[in-house]
Amino acid sequence: MSARVRIGAALVAAVASAAVVAGCGSGEPARFGGVPQSCARLLAPAVAEIRAFAGALYTEGDFEQPQTAAATDPDRPSRACGGAYPQRPVAAPAPGAALSRIVSVVFAVQRGDDPVAGAAKYLDVAAGSAEGVRGREVGDESYSGTPPFAETGAVQIGFRVSNAVVTVSVVGTDAALREGGAPEPVPTAELSTVATGIARTLAADLDSVLPG
């Protein structure tokens, strides 16, 4: 199983129990009705940010990822999308050059009874799984943390807009500065900036990719 598939599958599985513990109702009307299956459509607003993060490693693609059983839940359909770069190993990279960049994004729309409250609880569970720090920097509410079961050094930003929850996870490595050294993880601060930028772009354009 590839690294990007492991990250996407872990994100969906880690919050799969959220729907059964929805908590108190909000009474707010739901804004979104479902999740399209086209990852190219879902990630279209953030292609520039993804391309900038991958840099010279970037190659065109449709961002498709295999789906888990949780994605077909009628009360909370979801779609995992993303890309792993490069598609082939880099031969003899220069010291400090980019070796790998992975982006994984999961879109989920809560339906059923009181979907906004259900989405809020979904975000609570996702934040707990990621040991996230809560805030309101993106969307109606958000968190920043570490994707469960993901590569060392990965960063995750999750946010909610009405009854939709989106999680953005990024990770990367650079070639060692010294010959024979181990690859270096991309600094957490840099990954946080990238993940937050992708999340903010998606939050701003969510109405253009998720049907009402």
C-alpha atoms as a PDB file:
ATOM      1  CA  MET A   1       0.000   0.000   0.000  1.00  0.00           C
ATOM      2  CA  SER A   2       1.413   3.410  -0.993  1.00  0.00           C
ATOM      3  CA  ALA A   3       2.095   6.158   1.529  1.00  0.00           C
ATOM      4  CA  ARG A   4      -0.659   8.392   0.212  1.00  0.00           C
ATOM      5  CA  VAL A   5      -3.214   5.556   0.361  1.00  0.00           C
ATOM      6  CA  ARG A   6      -2.183   4.749   3.956  1.00  0.00           C
ATOM      7  CA  ILE A   7      -2.683   8.374   4.991  1.00  0.00           C
ATOM      8  CA  GLY A   8      -6.065   8.716   3.250  1.00  0.00           C
ATOM      9  CA  ALA A   9      -7.379   5.420   4.600  1.00  0.00           C
ATOM     10  CA  ALA A  10      -6.210   6.220   8.123  1.00  0.00           C
ATOM     11  CA  LEU A  11      -7.986   9.576   8.099  1.00  0.00           C
ATOM     12  CA  VAL A  12     -11.304   8.042   7.091  1.00  0.00           C
ATOM     13  CA  ALA A  13     -11.023   5.138   9.531  1.00  0.00           C
ATOM     14  CA  ALA A  14      -9.959   7.299  12.469  1.00  0.00           C
ATOM     15  CA  VAL A  15     -13.188   9.296  12.416  1.00  0.00           C
ATOM     16  CA  ALA A  16     -15.580   6.533  11.327  1.00  0.00           C
ATOM     17  CA  SER A  17     -17.276   6.405  14.745  1.00  0.00           C
ATOM     18  CA  ALA A  18     -18.234  10.083  14.790  1.00  0.00           C
ATOM     19  CA  ALA A  19     -21.697   9.660  13.261  1.00  0.00           C
ATOM     20  CA  VAL A  20     -22.960   7.446  16.066  1.00  0.00           C
ATOM     21  CA  VAL A  21     -22.103   9.988  18.769  1.00  0.00           C
ATOM     22  CA  ALA A  22     -23.504  13.137  17.199  1.00  0.00           C
ATOM     23  CA  GLY A  23     -24.335  14.846  20.493  1.00  0.00           C
ATOM     24  CA  CYS A  24     -26.619  17.817  20.958  1.00  0.00           C
ATOM     25  CA  GLY A  25     -28.492  19.229  17.986  1.00  0.00           C
ATOM     26  CA  SER A  26     -27.644  22.564  16.404  1.00  0.00           C
ATOM     27  CA  GLY A  27     -30.845  23.243  14.466  1.00  0.00           C
ATOM     28  CA  GLU A  28     -28.820  24.885  11.673  1.00  0.00           C
ATOM     29  CA  PRO A  29     -29.761  24.115   8.055  1.00  0.00           C
ATOM     30  CA  ALA A  30     -27.304  21.949   6.122  1.00  0.00           C
ATOM     31  CA  ARG A  31     -25.407  23.688   3.326  1.00  0.00           C
ATOM     32  CA  PHE A  32     -24.149  20.674   1.368  1.00  0.00           C
ATOM     33  CA  GLY A  33     -25.879  17.597   0.003  1.00  0.00           C
ATOM     34  CA  GLY A  34     -23.099  15.202  -0.962  1.00  0.00           C
ATOM     35  CA  VAL A  35     -19.563  14.629  -2.228  1.00  0.00           C
ATOM     36  CA  PRO A  36     -18.690  14.319  -5.942  1.00  0.00           C
ATOM     37  CA  GLN A  37     -16.552  11.318  -6.906  1.00  0.00           C
ATOM     38  CA  SER A  38     -14.193  13.350  -9.106  1.00  0.00           C
ATOM     39  CA  CYS A  39     -11.024  14.220  -7.195  1.00  0.00           C
ATOM     40  CA  ALA A  40      -9.968  16.492 -10.048  1.00  0.00           C
ATOM     41  CA  ARG A  41     -13.098  18.560  -9.374  1.00  0.00           C
ATOM     42  CA  LEU A  42     -12.726  18.489  -5.596  1.00  0.00           C
ATOM     43  CA  LEU A  43      -9.103  19.645  -5.583  1.00  0.00           C
ATOM     44  CA  ALA A  44      -9.349  22.048  -8.530  1.00  0.00           C
ATOM     45  CA  PRO A  45      -9.265  25.190  -6.316  1.00  0.00           C
ATOM     46  CA  ALA A  46      -6.025  24.050  -4.616  1.00  0.00           C
ATOM     47  CA  VAL A  47      -3.994  22.807  -7.602  1.00  0.00           C
ATOM     48  CA  ALA A  48      -1.712  25.867  -7.486  1.00  0.00           C
ATOM     49  CA  GLU A  49      -0.868  25.256  -3.811  1.00  0.00           C
ATOM     50  CA  ILE A  50      -0.273  21.532  -4.390  1.00  0.00           C
ATOM     51  CA  ARG A  51       1.928  22.249  -7.396  1.00  0.00           C
ATOM     52  CA  ALA A  52       3.959  24.801  -5.409  1.00  0.00           C
ATOM     53  CA  PHE A  53       4.451  22.319  -2.545  1.00  0.00           C
ATOM     54  CA  ALA A  54       5.633  19.526  -4.865  1.00  0.00           C
ATOM     55  CA  GLY A  55       7.841  21.870  -6.882  1.00  0.00           C
ATOM     56  CA  ALA A  56      10.001  20.110  -9.470  1.00  0.00           C
ATOM     57  CA  LEU A  57       8.598  16.742  -8.324  1.00  0.00           C
ATOM     58  CA  TYR A  58       5.065  17.613  -9.474  1.00  0.00           C
ATOM     59  CA  THR A  59       3.463  15.725 -12.342  1.00  0.00           C
ATOM     60  CA  GLU A  60      -0.027  16.196 -13.732  1.00  0.00           C
ATOM     61  CA  GLY A  61      -2.626  13.763 -12.430  1.00  0.00           C
ATOM     62  CA  ASP A  62      -6.245  13.336 -11.423  1.00  0.00           C
ATOM     63  CA  PHE A  63      -5.573  13.018  -7.646  1.00  0.00           C
ATOM     64  CA  GLU A  64      -7.582   9.778  -7.458  1.00  0.00           C
ATOM     65  CA  GLN A  65      -7.115   7.438  -4.460  1.00  0.00           C
ATOM     66  CA  PRO A  66      -8.685   4.057  -3.616  1.00  0.00           C
ATOM     67  CA  GLN A  67     -11.705   4.428  -1.364  1.00  0.00           C
ATOM     68  CA  THR A  68     -12.522   2.697   1.916  1.00  0.00           C
ATOM     69  CA  ALA A  69     -15.834   1.170   2.992  1.00  0.00           C
ATOM     70  CA  ALA A  70     -16.502   4.239   5.159  1.00  0.00           C
ATOM     71  CA  ALA A  71     -16.723   6.356   1.999  1.00  0.00           C
ATOM     72  CA  THR A  72     -20.051   4.730   1.066  1.00  0.00           C
ATOM     73  CA  ASP A  73     -21.815   5.523   4.368  1.00  0.00           C
ATOM     74  CA  PRO A  74     -25.161   7.042   3.221  1.00  0.00           C
ATOM     75  CA  ASP A  75     -25.270   9.307   6.282  1.00  0.00           C
ATOM     76  CA  ARG A  76     -21.756  10.640   5.720  1.00  0.00           C
ATOM     77  CA  PRO A  77     -20.383  10.087   2.205  1.00  0.00           C
ATOM     78  CA  SER A  78     -16.707  10.931   1.836  1.00  0.00           C
ATOM     79  CA  ARG A  79     -13.948  11.051  -0.765  1.00  0.00           C
ATOM     80  CA  ALA A  80     -10.193  10.762  -0.229  1.00  0.00           C
ATOM     81  CA  CYS A  81      -8.015  12.508  -2.814  1.00  0.00           C
ATOM     82  CA  GLY A  82      -4.385  13.495  -3.150  1.00  0.00           C
ATOM     83  CA  GLY A  83      -1.038  12.967  -4.775  1.00  0.00           C
ATOM     84  CA  ALA A  84       2.378  11.472  -3.992  1.00  0.00           C
ATOM     85  CA  TYR A  85       5.377  13.009  -5.747  1.00  0.00           C
ATOM     86  CA  PRO A  86       7.514  12.018  -7.549  1.00  0.00           C
ATOM     87  CA  GLN A  87       5.826   9.087  -9.231  1.00  0.00           C
ATOM     88  CA  ARG A  88       9.275   7.519  -9.696  1.00  0.00           C
ATOM     89  CA  PRO A  89      12.317   7.762  -7.378  1.00  0.00           C
ATOM     90  CA  VAL A  90      14.681  10.669  -7.979  1.00  0.00           C
ATOM     91  CA  ALA A  91      18.072   9.470  -9.257  1.00  0.00           C
ATOM     92  CA  ALA A  92      21.088  10.942  -7.427  1.00  0.00           C
ATOM     93  CA  PRO A  93      19.321  13.964  -5.894  1.00  0.00           C
ATOM     94  CA  ALA A  94      21.433  16.971  -4.979  1.00  0.00           C
ATOM     95  CA  PRO A  95      22.130  17.506  -1.254  1.00  0.00           C
ATOM     96  CA  GLY A  96      19.071  19.084   0.365  1.00  0.00           C
ATOM     97  CA  ALA A  97      16.913  18.622  -2.750  1.00  0.00           C
ATOM     98  CA  ALA A  98      13.275  17.600  -2.435  1.00  0.00           C
ATOM     99  CA  LEU A  99      12.843  13.812  -2.318  1.00  0.00           C
ATOM    100  CA  SER A 100       9.126  13.331  -1.688  1.00  0.00           C
ATOM    101  CA  ARG A 101       5.965  15.348  -1.201  1.00  0.00           C
ATOM    102  CA  ILE A 102       2.589  13.812  -0.277  1.00  0.00           C
ATOM    103  CA  VAL A 103      -0.786  15.552  -0.067  1.00  0.00           C
ATOM    104  CA  SER A 104      -3.942  13.767   1.131  1.00  0.00           C
ATOM    105  CA  VAL A 105      -7.341  15.452   1.435  1.00  0.00           C
ATOM    106  CA  VAL A 106     -10.548  13.859   2.738  1.00  0.00           C
ATOM    107  CA  PHE A 107     -13.932  15.488   2.072  1.00  0.00           C
ATOM    108  CA  ALA A 108     -16.950  14.339   4.123  1.00  0.00           C
ATOM    109  CA  VAL A 109     -20.533  15.626   4.159  1.00  0.00           C
ATOM    110  CA  GLN A 110     -22.775  14.771   7.103  1.00  0.00           C
ATOM    111  CA  ARG A 111     -26.402  13.946   6.304  1.00  0.00           C
ATOM    112  CA  GLY A 112     -29.255  12.429   8.293  1.00  0.00           C
ATOM    113  CA  ASP A 113     -30.698  14.040  11.436  1.00  0.00           C
ATOM    114  CA  ASP A 114     -29.158  17.427  12.330  1.00  0.00           C
ATOM    115  CA  PRO A 115     -26.226  17.194   9.910  1.00  0.00           C
ATOM    116  CA  VAL A 116     -24.467  20.341  11.160  1.00  0.00           C
ATOM    117  CA  ALA A 117     -24.263  18.966  14.700  1.00  0.00           C
ATOM    118  CA  GLY A 118     -23.117  15.629  13.282  1.00  0.00           C
ATOM    119  CA  ALA A 119     -20.367  17.341  11.286  1.00  0.00           C
ATOM    120  CA  ALA A 120     -19.241  19.252  14.377  1.00  0.00           C
ATOM    121  CA  LYS A 121     -18.925  15.977  16.275  1.00  0.00           C
ATOM    122  CA  TYR A 122     -17.124  14.393  13.327  1.00  0.00           C
ATOM    123  CA  LEU A 123     -14.566  17.214  13.540  1.00  0.00           C
ATOM    124  CA  ASP A 124     -14.253  16.682  17.312  1.00  0.00           C
ATOM    125  CA  VAL A 125     -13.370  13.017  16.800  1.00  0.00           C
ATOM    126  CA  ALA A 126     -10.953  13.807  13.958  1.00  0.00           C
ATOM    127  CA  ALA A 127      -9.222  16.436  16.107  1.00  0.00           C
ATOM    128  CA  GLY A 128      -8.918  13.964  18.967  1.00  0.00           C
ATOM    129  CA  SER A 129      -7.431  11.311  16.681  1.00  0.00           C
ATOM    130  CA  ALA A 130      -4.888  13.844  15.419  1.00  0.00           C
ATOM    131  CA  GLU A 131      -4.183  15.231  18.913  1.00  0.00           C
ATOM    132  CA  GLY A 132      -5.145  18.522  17.348  1.00  0.00           C
ATOM    133  CA  VAL A 133      -5.127  22.069  18.662  1.00  0.00           C
ATOM    134  CA  ARG A 134      -8.535  23.641  18.102  1.00  0.00           C
ATOM    135  CA  GLY A 135      -9.144  27.045  16.538  1.00  0.00           C
ATOM    136  CA  ARG A 136     -11.206  29.006  14.032  1.00  0.00           C
ATOM    137  CA  GLU A 137      -8.495  29.908  11.540  1.00  0.00           C
ATOM    138  CA  VAL A 138     -10.237  28.009   8.715  1.00  0.00           C
ATOM    139  CA  GLY A 139     -13.973  27.676   8.057  1.00  0.00           C
ATOM    140  CA  ASP A 140     -16.457  27.686  10.945  1.00  0.00           C
ATOM    141  CA  GLU A 141     -13.979  25.810  13.165  1.00  0.00           C
ATOM    142  CA  SER A 142     -10.721  23.966  12.647  1.00  0.00           C
ATOM    143  CA  TYR A 143      -7.785  22.146  14.226  1.00  0.00           C
ATOM    144  CA  SER A 144      -4.130  21.446  13.504  1.00  0.00           C
ATOM    145  CA  GLY A 145      -2.426  18.196  14.478  1.00  0.00           C
ATOM    146  CA  THR A 146      -0.741  15.006  13.282  1.00  0.00           C
ATOM    147  CA  PRO A 147      -2.548  12.480  11.036  1.00  0.00           C
ATOM    148  CA  PRO A 148      -3.067   9.177  12.865  1.00  0.00           C
ATOM    149  CA  PHE A 149      -0.942   6.293  11.564  1.00  0.00           C
ATOM    150  CA  ALA A 150       0.773   8.554   9.011  1.00  0.00           C
ATOM    151  CA  GLU A 151       4.447   9.108   8.182  1.00  0.00           C
ATOM    152  CA  THR A 152       6.640  10.720  10.839  1.00  0.00           C
ATOM    153  CA  GLY A 153       6.510  14.495  10.630  1.00  0.00           C
ATOM    154  CA  ALA A 154       3.165  14.727   8.821  1.00  0.00           C
ATOM    155  CA  VAL A 155       0.867  17.675   9.548  1.00  0.00           C
ATOM    156  CA  GLN A 156      -2.930  17.758   9.333  1.00  0.00           C
ATOM    157  CA  ILE A 157      -5.352  20.677   9.207  1.00  0.00           C
ATOM    158  CA  GLY A 158      -9.042  19.833   9.578  1.00  0.00           C
ATOM    159  CA  PHE A 159     -11.926  22.256   9.214  1.00  0.00           C
ATOM    160  CA  ARG A 160     -15.710  22.365   9.131  1.00  0.00           C
ATOM    161  CA  VAL A 161     -18.020  24.520   7.022  1.00  0.00           C
ATOM    162  CA  SER A 162     -21.671  23.879   7.924  1.00  0.00           C
ATOM    163  CA  ASN A 163     -22.185  20.112   7.514  1.00  0.00           C
ATOM    164  CA  ALA A 164     -18.952  19.472   5.566  1.00  0.00           C
ATOM    165  CA  VAL A 165     -15.628  18.460   7.110  1.00  0.00           C
ATOM    166  CA  VAL A 166     -12.341  18.517   5.207  1.00  0.00           C
ATOM    167  CA  THR A 167      -8.960  17.235   6.421  1.00  0.00           C
ATOM    168  CA  VAL A 168      -5.721  18.214   4.685  1.00  0.00           C
ATOM    169  CA  SER A 169      -2.564  16.204   5.445  1.00  0.00           C
ATOM    170  CA  VAL A 170       0.922  16.876   4.068  1.00  0.00           C
ATOM    171  CA  VAL A 171       4.346  15.302   4.572  1.00  0.00           C
ATOM    172  CA  GLY A 172       7.672  15.392   2.763  1.00  0.00           C
ATOM    173  CA  THR A 173      11.363  14.575   2.849  1.00  0.00           C
ATOM    174  CA  ASP A 174      14.510  16.201   1.479  1.00  0.00           C
ATOM    175  CA  ALA A 175      17.817  14.602   0.529  1.00  0.00           C
ATOM    176  CA  ALA A 176      20.499  14.555   3.218  1.00  0.00           C
ATOM    177  CA  LEU A 177      22.945  17.445   3.239  1.00  0.00           C
ATOM    178  CA  ARG A 178      25.847  15.018   3.708  1.00  0.00           C
ATOM    179  CA  GLU A 179      26.641  12.032   1.484  1.00  0.00           C
ATOM    180  CA  GLY A 180      25.302   8.815   2.970  1.00  0.00           C
ATOM    181  CA  GLY A 181      23.008  10.619   5.400  1.00  0.00           C
ATOM    182  CA  ALA A 182      19.352   9.789   5.979  1.00  0.00           C
ATOM    183  CA  PRO A 183      16.623  11.839   4.275  1.00  0.00           C
ATOM    184  CA  GLU A 184      15.480  14.845   6.286  1.00  0.00           C
ATOM    185  CA  PRO A 185      11.775  15.503   7.015  1.00  0.00           C
ATOM    186  CA  VAL A 186      10.396  18.790   5.773  1.00  0.00           C
ATOM    187  CA  PRO A 187      10.184  21.121   8.819  1.00  0.00           C
ATOM    188  CA  THR A 188       6.850  21.078  10.628  1.00  0.00           C
ATOM    189  CA  ALA A 189       6.466  24.854  10.344  1.00  0.00           C
ATOM    190  CA  GLU A 190       6.768  24.645   6.560  1.00  0.00           C
ATOM    191  CA  LEU A 191       4.267  21.789   6.372  1.00  0.00           C
ATOM    192  CA  SER A 192       1.831  23.707   8.586  1.00  0.00           C
ATOM    193  CA  THR A 193       2.005  26.700   6.251  1.00  0.00           C
ATOM    194  CA  VAL A 194       1.347  24.476   3.226  1.00  0.00           C
ATOM    195  CA  ALA A 195      -1.541  22.567   4.831  1.00  0.00           C
ATOM    196  CA  THR A 196      -3.156  25.765   6.107  1.00  0.00           C
ATOM    197  CA  GLY A 197      -2.878  27.388   2.678  1.00  0.00           C
ATOM    198  CA  ILE A 198      -4.542  24.426   0.964  1.00  0.00           C
ATOM    199  CA  ALA A 199      -7.250  24.282   3.635  1.00  0.00           C
ATOM    200  CA  ARG A 200      -8.052  28.000   3.385  1.00  0.00           C
ATOM    201  CA  THR A 201      -8.296  27.820  -0.399  1.00  0.00           C
ATOM    202  CA  LEU A 202     -10.641  24.832  -0.244  1.00  0.00           C
ATOM    203  CA  ALA A 203     -12.771  26.439   2.484  1.00  0.00           C
ATOM    204  CA  ALA A 204     -13.174  29.608   0.429  1.00  0.00           C
ATOM    205  CA  ASP A 205     -14.305  27.656  -2.660  1.00  0.00           C
ATOM    206  CA  LEU A 206     -16.208  24.792  -1.032  1.00  0.00           C
ATOM    207  CA  ASP A 207     -19.510  25.905  -2.588  1.00  0.00           C
ATOM    208  CA  SER A 208     -17.973  25.491  -6.043  1.00  0.00           C
ATOM    209  CA  VAL A 209     -17.041  21.818  -5.528  1.00  0.00           C
ATOM    210  CA  LEU A 210     -19.673  20.401  -3.147  1.00  0.00           C
ATOM    211  CA  PRO A 211     -23.310  20.316  -4.320  1.00  0.00           C
ATOM    212  CA  GLY A 212     -25.920  22.038  -2.191  1.00  0.00           C
END
